[in-house]
């Protein structure tokens, strides 16, 4: 691939890649209502998965949370409706 994909918005526009599996690691994930911080483009975890993301990078919304464990549980609960 000649270009880098740096956010969730470009996944749907990509052509099929054939027989090889591709993983799309998406940064800038923020829970619904979460602050964007220094990210220019953000998406919710469910929005990223709906767009075709394979792996979500969720750093500061967890590490900066007063209760990181609770943040993880809340993010996971928001994804409970997603198919496995």
PDB file of N, CA and C in Angstrom:
ATOM      1  N   UNK A   1       0.856  -1.165   0.000  1.00  0.00           N
ATOM      2  CA  UNK A   1       0.000   0.000   0.000  1.00  0.00           C
ATOM      3  C   UNK A   1       0.904   1.230   0.000  1.00  0.00           C
ATOM      4  N   UNK A   2       0.639   2.167  -0.865  1.00  0.00           N
ATOM      5  CA  UNK A   2       1.504   3.327  -1.035  1.00  0.00           C
ATOM      6  C   UNK A   2       1.279   4.389   0.030  1.00  0.00           C
ATOM      7  N   UNK A   3       0.094   4.484   0.571  1.00  0.00           N
ATOM      8  CA  UNK A   3      -0.220   5.528   1.539  1.00  0.00           C
ATOM      9  C   UNK A   3      -0.535   4.914   2.891  1.00  0.00           C
ATOM     10  N   UNK A   4      -0.333   5.702   3.918  1.00  0.00           N
ATOM     11  CA  UNK A   4      -0.713   5.276   5.256  1.00  0.00           C
ATOM     12  C   UNK A   4      -2.143   5.691   5.522  1.00  0.00           C
ATOM     13  N   UNK A   5      -2.834   4.864   6.237  1.00  0.00           N
ATOM     14  CA  UNK A   5      -4.187   5.175   6.676  1.00  0.00           C
ATOM     15  C   UNK A   5      -4.060   5.635   8.120  1.00  0.00           C
ATOM     16  N   UNK A   6      -4.393   6.892   8.401  1.00  0.00           N
ATOM     17  CA  UNK A   6      -4.138   7.404   9.736  1.00  0.00           C
ATOM     18  C   UNK A   6      -5.386   7.677  10.560  1.00  0.00           C
ATOM     19  N   UNK A   7      -6.544   7.289  10.056  1.00  0.00           N
ATOM     20  CA  UNK A   7      -7.750   7.440  10.856  1.00  0.00           C
ATOM     21  C   UNK A   7      -8.836   6.532  10.303  1.00  0.00           C
ATOM     22  N   UNK A   8      -9.902   6.429  11.041  1.00  0.00           N
ATOM     23  CA  UNK A   8     -10.972   5.494  10.703  1.00  0.00           C
ATOM     24  C   UNK A   8     -11.716   5.856   9.420  1.00  0.00           C
ATOM     25  N   UNK A   9     -11.694   7.094   8.991  1.00  0.00           N
ATOM     26  CA  UNK A   9     -12.516   7.540   7.872  1.00  0.00           C
ATOM     27  C   UNK A   9     -12.131   6.907   6.536  1.00  0.00           C
ATOM     28  N   UNK A  10     -10.899   6.453   6.396  1.00  0.00           N
ATOM     29  CA  UNK A  10     -10.451   5.936   5.119  1.00  0.00           C
ATOM     30  C   UNK A  10     -10.637   4.448   4.915  1.00  0.00           C
ATOM     31  N   UNK A  11     -11.033   3.719   5.940  1.00  0.00           N
ATOM     32  CA  UNK A  11     -11.110   2.262   5.818  1.00  0.00           C
ATOM     33  C   UNK A  11     -12.114   1.842   4.754  1.00  0.00           C
ATOM     34  N   UNK A  12     -13.301   2.398   4.764  1.00  0.00           N
ATOM     35  CA  UNK A  12     -14.359   1.980   3.847  1.00  0.00           C
ATOM     36  C   UNK A  12     -13.991   2.238   2.387  1.00  0.00           C
ATOM     37  N   UNK A  13     -13.125   3.195   2.129  1.00  0.00           N
ATOM     38  CA  UNK A  13     -12.762   3.539   0.755  1.00  0.00           C
ATOM     39  C   UNK A  13     -11.684   2.621   0.176  1.00  0.00           C
ATOM     40  N   UNK A  14     -11.102   1.773   1.001  1.00  0.00           N
ATOM     41  CA  UNK A  14     -10.033   0.907   0.521  1.00  0.00           C
ATOM     42  C   UNK A  14     -10.591  -0.240  -0.316  1.00  0.00           C
ATOM     43  N   UNK A  15      -9.865  -0.630  -1.360  1.00  0.00           N
ATOM     44  CA  UNK A  15     -10.304  -1.778  -2.166  1.00  0.00           C
ATOM     45  C   UNK A  15     -10.030  -3.074  -1.416  1.00  0.00           C
ATOM     46  N   UNK A  16     -10.684  -4.158  -1.802  1.00  0.00           N
ATOM     47  CA  UNK A  16     -10.382  -5.451  -1.182  1.00  0.00           C
ATOM     48  C   UNK A  16      -8.915  -5.819  -1.431  1.00  0.00           C
ATOM     49  N   UNK A  17      -8.312  -6.512  -0.492  1.00  0.00           N
ATOM     50  CA  UNK A  17      -6.896  -6.834  -0.591  1.00  0.00           C
ATOM     51  C   UNK A  17      -6.625  -8.280  -0.984  1.00  0.00           C
ATOM     52  N   UNK A  18      -7.624  -9.035  -1.303  1.00  0.00           N
ATOM     53  CA  UNK A  18      -7.387 -10.404  -1.740  1.00  0.00           C
ATOM     54  C   UNK A  18      -7.335 -11.389  -0.595  1.00  0.00           C
ATOM     55  N   UNK A  19      -6.412 -12.317  -0.702  1.00  0.00           N
ATOM     56  CA  UNK A  19      -6.374 -13.441   0.222  1.00  0.00           C
ATOM     57  C   UNK A  19      -5.673 -13.147   1.544  1.00  0.00           C
ATOM     58  N   UNK A  20      -4.892 -12.093   1.616  1.00  0.00           N
ATOM     59  CA  UNK A  20      -4.133 -11.819   2.829  1.00  0.00           C
ATOM     60  C   UNK A  20      -4.974 -11.042   3.830  1.00  0.00           C
ATOM     61  N   UNK A  21      -4.895 -11.420   5.112  1.00  0.00           N
ATOM     62  CA  UNK A  21      -5.657 -10.663   6.120  1.00  0.00           C
ATOM     63  C   UNK A  21      -4.992  -9.310   6.378  1.00  0.00           C
ATOM     64  N   UNK A  22      -5.780  -8.310   6.531  1.00  0.00           N
ATOM     65  CA  UNK A  22      -5.291  -6.972   6.863  1.00  0.00           C
ATOM     66  C   UNK A  22      -5.902  -6.569   8.185  1.00  0.00           C
ATOM     67  N   UNK A  23      -5.112  -5.917   9.000  1.00  0.00           N
ATOM     68  CA  UNK A  23      -5.589  -5.423  10.280  1.00  0.00           C
ATOM     69  C   UNK A  23      -5.501  -3.906  10.245  1.00  0.00           C
ATOM     70  N   UNK A  24      -6.551  -3.268  10.691  1.00  0.00           N
ATOM     71  CA  UNK A  24      -6.589  -1.813  10.713  1.00  0.00           C
ATOM     72  C   UNK A  24      -6.555  -1.355  12.162  1.00  0.00           C
ATOM     73  N   UNK A  25      -5.421  -0.799  12.569  1.00  0.00           N
ATOM     74  CA  UNK A  25      -5.207  -0.305  13.922  1.00  0.00           C
ATOM     75  C   UNK A  25      -5.573   1.175  13.912  1.00  0.00           C
ATOM     76  N   UNK A  26      -6.560   1.527  14.691  1.00  0.00           N
ATOM     77  CA  UNK A  26      -7.105   2.880  14.640  1.00  0.00           C
ATOM     78  C   UNK A  26      -6.860   3.636  15.947  1.00  0.00           C
ATOM     79  N   UNK A  27      -6.127   4.750  15.877  1.00  0.00           N
ATOM     80  CA  UNK A  27      -5.934   5.604  17.052  1.00  0.00           C
ATOM     81  C   UNK A  27      -7.059   6.629  17.152  1.00  0.00           C
ATOM     82  N   UNK A  28      -7.013   7.428  18.205  1.00  0.00           N
ATOM     83  CA  UNK A  28      -7.986   8.508  18.360  1.00  0.00           C
ATOM     84  C   UNK A  28      -9.345   8.022  18.823  1.00  0.00           C
ATOM     85  N   UNK A  29      -9.376   6.902  19.516  1.00  0.00           N
ATOM     86  CA  UNK A  29     -10.641   6.365  20.004  1.00  0.00           C
ATOM     87  C   UNK A  29     -11.001   7.079  21.297  1.00  0.00           C
ATOM     88  N   UNK A  30     -12.204   7.570  21.360  1.00  0.00           N
ATOM     89  CA  UNK A  30     -12.705   8.242  22.558  1.00  0.00           C
ATOM     90  C   UNK A  30     -14.109   7.728  22.862  1.00  0.00           C
ATOM     91  N   UNK A  31     -14.401   7.451  24.132  1.00  0.00           N
ATOM     92  CA  UNK A  31     -15.763   7.055  24.490  1.00  0.00           C
ATOM     93  C   UNK A  31     -16.747   8.169  24.123  1.00  0.00           C
ATOM     94  N   UNK A  32     -17.982   7.806  23.911  1.00  0.00           N
ATOM     95  CA  UNK A  32     -19.014   8.810  23.604  1.00  0.00           C
ATOM     96  C   UNK A  32     -19.000   9.890  24.682  1.00  0.00           C
ATOM     97  N   UNK A  33     -18.940  11.124  24.262  1.00  0.00           N
ATOM     98  CA  UNK A  33     -18.920  12.244  25.202  1.00  0.00           C
ATOM     99  C   UNK A  33     -17.541  12.544  25.768  1.00  0.00           C
ATOM    100  N   UNK A  34     -16.534  11.757  25.383  1.00  0.00           N
ATOM    101  CA  UNK A  34     -15.182  11.981  25.883  1.00  0.00           C
ATOM    102  C   UNK A  34     -14.521  13.159  25.193  1.00  0.00           C
ATOM    103  N   UNK A  35     -13.571  13.766  25.882  1.00  0.00           N
ATOM    104  CA  UNK A  35     -12.847  14.912  25.319  1.00  0.00           C
ATOM    105  C   UNK A  35     -11.909  14.450  24.206  1.00  0.00           C
ATOM    106  N   UNK A  36     -11.819  15.239  23.144  1.00  0.00           N
ATOM    107  CA  UNK A  36     -10.939  14.907  22.022  1.00  0.00           C
ATOM    108  C   UNK A  36      -9.470  15.080  22.390  1.00  0.00           C
ATOM    109  N   UNK A  37      -9.188  15.939  23.342  1.00  0.00           N
ATOM    110  CA  UNK A  37      -7.796  16.197  23.718  1.00  0.00           C
ATOM    111  C   UNK A  37      -7.030  16.757  22.540  1.00  0.00           C
ATOM    112  N   UNK A  38      -5.885  16.203  22.258  1.00  0.00           N
ATOM    113  CA  UNK A  38      -5.057  16.717  21.156  1.00  0.00           C
ATOM    114  C   UNK A  38      -5.332  16.007  19.834  1.00  0.00           C
ATOM    115  N   UNK A  39      -6.326  15.136  19.802  1.00  0.00           N
ATOM    116  CA  UNK A  39      -6.653  14.414  18.570  1.00  0.00           C
ATOM    117  C   UNK A  39      -7.481  15.297  17.640  1.00  0.00           C
ATOM    118  N   UNK A  40      -7.124  15.317  16.365  1.00  0.00           N
ATOM    119  CA  UNK A  40      -7.883  16.104  15.388  1.00  0.00           C
ATOM    120  C   UNK A  40      -9.130  15.361  14.941  1.00  0.00           C
ATOM    121  N   UNK A  41      -9.030  14.037  14.846  1.00  0.00           N
ATOM    122  CA  UNK A  41     -10.168  13.215  14.419  1.00  0.00           C
ATOM    123  C   UNK A  41     -10.367  12.139  15.461  1.00  0.00           C
ATOM    124  N   UNK A  42     -11.549  12.080  16.015  1.00  0.00           N
ATOM    125  CA  UNK A  42     -11.849  11.058  17.012  1.00  0.00           C
ATOM    126  C   UNK A  42     -13.093  10.298  16.584  1.00  0.00           C
ATOM    127  N   UNK A  43     -13.224   9.119  17.127  1.00  0.00           N
ATOM    128  CA  UNK A  43     -14.369   8.266  16.845  1.00  0.00           C
ATOM    129  C   UNK A  43     -14.605   7.421  18.091  1.00  0.00           C
ATOM    130  N   UNK A  44     -15.835   7.043  18.309  1.00  0.00           N
ATOM    131  CA  UNK A  44     -16.136   6.160  19.427  1.00  0.00           C
ATOM    132  C   UNK A  44     -15.646   4.749  19.109  1.00  0.00           C
ATOM    133  N   UNK A  45     -15.480   3.906  20.122  1.00  0.00           N
ATOM    134  CA  UNK A  45     -15.078   2.529  19.844  1.00  0.00           C
ATOM    135  C   UNK A  45     -16.042   1.825  18.883  1.00  0.00           C
ATOM    136  N   UNK A  46     -17.331   1.964  19.107  1.00  0.00           N
ATOM    137  CA  UNK A  46     -18.311   1.322  18.221  1.00  0.00           C
ATOM    138  C   UNK A  46     -18.240   1.903  16.814  1.00  0.00           C
ATOM    139  N   UNK A  47     -18.066   3.206  16.699  1.00  0.00           N
ATOM    140  CA  UNK A  47     -17.949   3.841  15.385  1.00  0.00           C
ATOM    141  C   UNK A  47     -16.743   3.351  14.612  1.00  0.00           C
ATOM    142  N   UNK A  48     -15.634   3.158  15.305  1.00  0.00           N
ATOM    143  CA  UNK A  48     -14.429   2.648  14.642  1.00  0.00           C
ATOM    144  C   UNK A  48     -14.640   1.224  14.157  1.00  0.00           C
ATOM    145  N   UNK A  49     -15.242   0.382  14.992  1.00  0.00           N
ATOM    146  CA  UNK A  49     -15.500  -0.999  14.578  1.00  0.00           C
ATOM    147  C   UNK A  49     -16.505  -1.040  13.431  1.00  0.00           C
ATOM    148  N   UNK A  50     -17.522  -0.202  13.487  1.00  0.00           N
ATOM    149  CA  UNK A  50     -18.495  -0.124  12.395  1.00  0.00           C
ATOM    150  C   UNK A  50     -17.831   0.304  11.089  1.00  0.00           C
ATOM    151  N   UNK A  51     -16.764   1.094  11.185  1.00  0.00           N
ATOM    152  CA  UNK A  51     -16.053   1.573   9.996  1.00  0.00           C
ATOM    153  C   UNK A  51     -15.060   0.553   9.455  1.00  0.00           C
ATOM    154  N   UNK A  52     -14.837  -0.532  10.188  1.00  0.00           N
ATOM    155  CA  UNK A  52     -13.945  -1.575   9.714  1.00  0.00           C
ATOM    156  C   UNK A  52     -12.655  -1.736  10.489  1.00  0.00           C
ATOM    157  N   UNK A  53     -12.514  -1.032  11.597  1.00  0.00           N
ATOM    158  CA  UNK A  53     -11.299  -1.168  12.400  1.00  0.00           C
ATOM    159  C   UNK A  53     -11.173  -2.586  12.943  1.00  0.00           C
ATOM    160  N   UNK A  54      -9.942  -3.075  13.009  1.00  0.00           N
ATOM    161  CA  UNK A  54      -9.662  -4.389  13.574  1.00  0.00           C
ATOM    162  C   UNK A  54      -9.170  -4.279  15.007  1.00  0.00           C
ATOM    163  N   UNK A  55      -8.360  -3.257  15.260  1.00  0.00           N
ATOM    164  CA  UNK A  55      -7.744  -3.060  16.565  1.00  0.00           C
ATOM    165  C   UNK A  55      -7.931  -1.599  16.961  1.00  0.00           C
ATOM    166  N   UNK A  56      -8.389  -1.373  18.178  1.00  0.00           N
ATOM    167  CA  UNK A  56      -8.616  -0.019  18.670  1.00  0.00           C
ATOM    168  C   UNK A  56      -7.477   0.393  19.593  1.00  0.00           C
ATOM    169  N   UNK A  57      -7.001   1.614  19.427  1.00  0.00           N
ATOM    170  CA  UNK A  57      -5.984   2.169  20.311  1.00  0.00           C
ATOM    171  C   UNK A  57      -6.703   3.133  21.250  1.00  0.00           C
ATOM    172  N   UNK A  58      -6.868   2.703  22.485  1.00  0.00           N
ATOM    173  CA  UNK A  58      -7.578   3.523  23.474  1.00  0.00           C
ATOM    174  C   UNK A  58      -6.620   3.728  24.636  1.00  0.00           C
ATOM    175  N   UNK A  59      -5.876   4.825  24.602  1.00  0.00           N
ATOM    176  CA  UNK A  59      -4.861   5.068  25.620  1.00  0.00           C
ATOM    177  C   UNK A  59      -5.318   6.010  26.706  1.00  0.00           C
ATOM    178  N   UNK A  60      -5.257   7.294  26.400  1.00  0.00           N
ATOM    179  CA  UNK A  60      -5.527   8.314  27.420  1.00  0.00           C
ATOM    180  C   UNK A  60      -6.917   8.252  28.036  1.00  0.00           C
ATOM    181  N   UNK A  61      -7.962   7.870  27.296  1.00  0.00           N
ATOM    182  CA  UNK A  61      -9.257   7.762  27.979  1.00  0.00           C
ATOM    183  C   UNK A  61      -9.243   6.743  29.120  1.00  0.00           C
ATOM    184  N   UNK A  62      -8.292   5.815  29.068  1.00  0.00           N
ATOM    185  CA  UNK A  62      -8.171   4.833  30.150  1.00  0.00           C
ATOM    186  C   UNK A  62      -7.115   5.284  31.161  1.00  0.00           C
ATOM    187  N   UNK A  63      -5.919   5.613  30.681  1.00  0.00           N
ATOM    188  CA  UNK A  63      -4.834   5.944  31.610  1.00  0.00           C
ATOM    189  C   UNK A  63      -5.059   7.252  32.360  1.00  0.00           C
ATOM    190  N   UNK A  64      -5.805   8.187  31.764  1.00  0.00           N
ATOM    191  CA  UNK A  64      -6.083   9.463  32.427  1.00  0.00           C
ATOM    192  C   UNK A  64      -7.356   9.432  33.264  1.00  0.00           C
ATOM    193  N   UNK A  65      -8.085   8.346  33.222  1.00  0.00           N
ATOM    194  CA  UNK A  65      -9.345   8.253  33.981  1.00  0.00           C
ATOM    195  C   UNK A  65      -9.047   8.137  35.477  1.00  0.00           C
ATOM    196  N   UNK A  66      -9.897   8.724  36.303  1.00  0.00           N
ATOM    197  CA  UNK A  66      -9.720   8.575  37.757  1.00  0.00           C
ATOM    198  C   UNK A  66      -9.744   7.102  38.193  1.00  0.00           C
ATOM    199  N   UNK A  67     -10.536   6.299  37.487  1.00  0.00           N
ATOM    200  CA  UNK A  67     -10.635   4.865  37.760  1.00  0.00           C
ATOM    201  C   UNK A  67     -10.473   4.123  36.435  1.00  0.00           C
ATOM    202  N   UNK A  68      -9.235   3.787  36.058  1.00  0.00           N
ATOM    203  CA  UNK A  68      -8.993   3.141  34.769  1.00  0.00           C
ATOM    204  C   UNK A  68      -9.776   1.837  34.570  1.00  0.00           C
ATOM    205  N   UNK A  69      -9.916   1.063  35.623  1.00  0.00           N
ATOM    206  CA  UNK A  69     -10.675  -0.184  35.506  1.00  0.00           C
ATOM    207  C   UNK A  69     -12.111   0.103  35.124  1.00  0.00           C
ATOM    208  N   UNK A  70     -12.713   1.104  35.752  1.00  0.00           N
ATOM    209  CA  UNK A  70     -14.090   1.487  35.442  1.00  0.00           C
ATOM    210  C   UNK A  70     -14.180   1.973  33.997  1.00  0.00           C
ATOM    211  N   UNK A  71     -13.183   2.711  33.540  1.00  0.00           N
ATOM    212  CA  UNK A  71     -13.178   3.198  32.160  1.00  0.00           C
ATOM    213  C   UNK A  71     -13.187   2.031  31.177  1.00  0.00           C
ATOM    214  N   UNK A  72     -12.378   1.006  31.450  1.00  0.00           N
ATOM    215  CA  UNK A  72     -12.343  -0.167  30.581  1.00  0.00           C
ATOM    216  C   UNK A  72     -13.688  -0.874  30.580  1.00  0.00           C
ATOM    217  N   UNK A  73     -14.274  -1.052  31.760  1.00  0.00           N
ATOM    218  CA  UNK A  73     -15.575  -1.719  31.871  1.00  0.00           C
ATOM    219  C   UNK A  73     -16.636  -0.939  31.103  1.00  0.00           C
ATOM    220  N   UNK A  74     -16.623   0.378  31.223  1.00  0.00           N
ATOM    221  CA  UNK A  74     -17.616   1.203  30.518  1.00  0.00           C
ATOM    222  C   UNK A  74     -17.436   1.124  29.004  1.00  0.00           C
ATOM    223  N   UNK A  75     -16.200   1.139  28.547  1.00  0.00           N
ATOM    224  CA  UNK A  75     -15.943   1.035  27.105  1.00  0.00           C
ATOM    225  C   UNK A  75     -16.415  -0.324  26.601  1.00  0.00           C
ATOM    226  N   UNK A  76     -16.089  -1.383  27.330  1.00  0.00           N
ATOM    227  CA  UNK A  76     -16.509  -2.725  26.934  1.00  0.00           C
ATOM    228  C   UNK A  76     -18.035  -2.846  26.928  1.00  0.00           C
ATOM    229  N   UNK A  77     -18.692  -2.237  27.893  1.00  0.00           N
ATOM    230  CA  UNK A  77     -20.163  -2.286  27.942  1.00  0.00           C
ATOM    231  C   UNK A  77     -20.758  -1.601  26.714  1.00  0.00           C
ATOM    232  N   UNK A  78     -20.113  -0.552  26.242  1.00  0.00           N
ATOM    233  CA  UNK A  78     -20.585   0.135  25.053  1.00  0.00           C
ATOM    234  C   UNK A  78     -20.418  -0.677  23.779  1.00  0.00           C
ATOM    235  N   UNK A  79     -19.609  -1.723  23.846  1.00  0.00           N
ATOM    236  CA  UNK A  79     -19.380  -2.583  22.693  1.00  0.00           C
ATOM    237  C   UNK A  79     -20.136  -3.901  22.804  1.00  0.00           C
ATOM    238  N   UNK A  80     -20.881  -4.083  23.857  1.00  0.00           N
ATOM    239  CA  UNK A  80     -21.532  -5.376  24.101  1.00  0.00           C
ATOM    240  C   UNK A  80     -22.547  -5.733  23.014  1.00  0.00           C
ATOM    241  N   UNK A  81     -23.063  -4.761  22.287  1.00  0.00           N
ATOM    242  CA  UNK A  81     -24.034  -5.023  21.213  1.00  0.00           C
ATOM    243  C   UNK A  81     -23.365  -5.422  19.899  1.00  0.00           C
ATOM    244  N   UNK A  82     -22.039  -5.276  19.827  1.00  0.00           N
ATOM    245  CA  UNK A  82     -21.325  -5.548  18.582  1.00  0.00           C
ATOM    246  C   UNK A  82     -21.211  -7.061  18.366  1.00  0.00           C
ATOM    247  N   UNK A  83     -21.342  -7.517  17.117  1.00  0.00           N
ATOM    248  CA  UNK A  83     -21.140  -8.942  16.854  1.00  0.00           C
ATOM    249  C   UNK A  83     -19.677  -9.329  17.061  1.00  0.00           C
ATOM    250  N   UNK A  84     -19.450 -10.537  17.489  1.00  0.00           N
ATOM    251  CA  UNK A  84     -18.070 -11.005  17.756  1.00  0.00           C
ATOM    252  C   UNK A  84     -17.347 -11.317  16.468  1.00  0.00           C
TER     253      UNK A  84
END
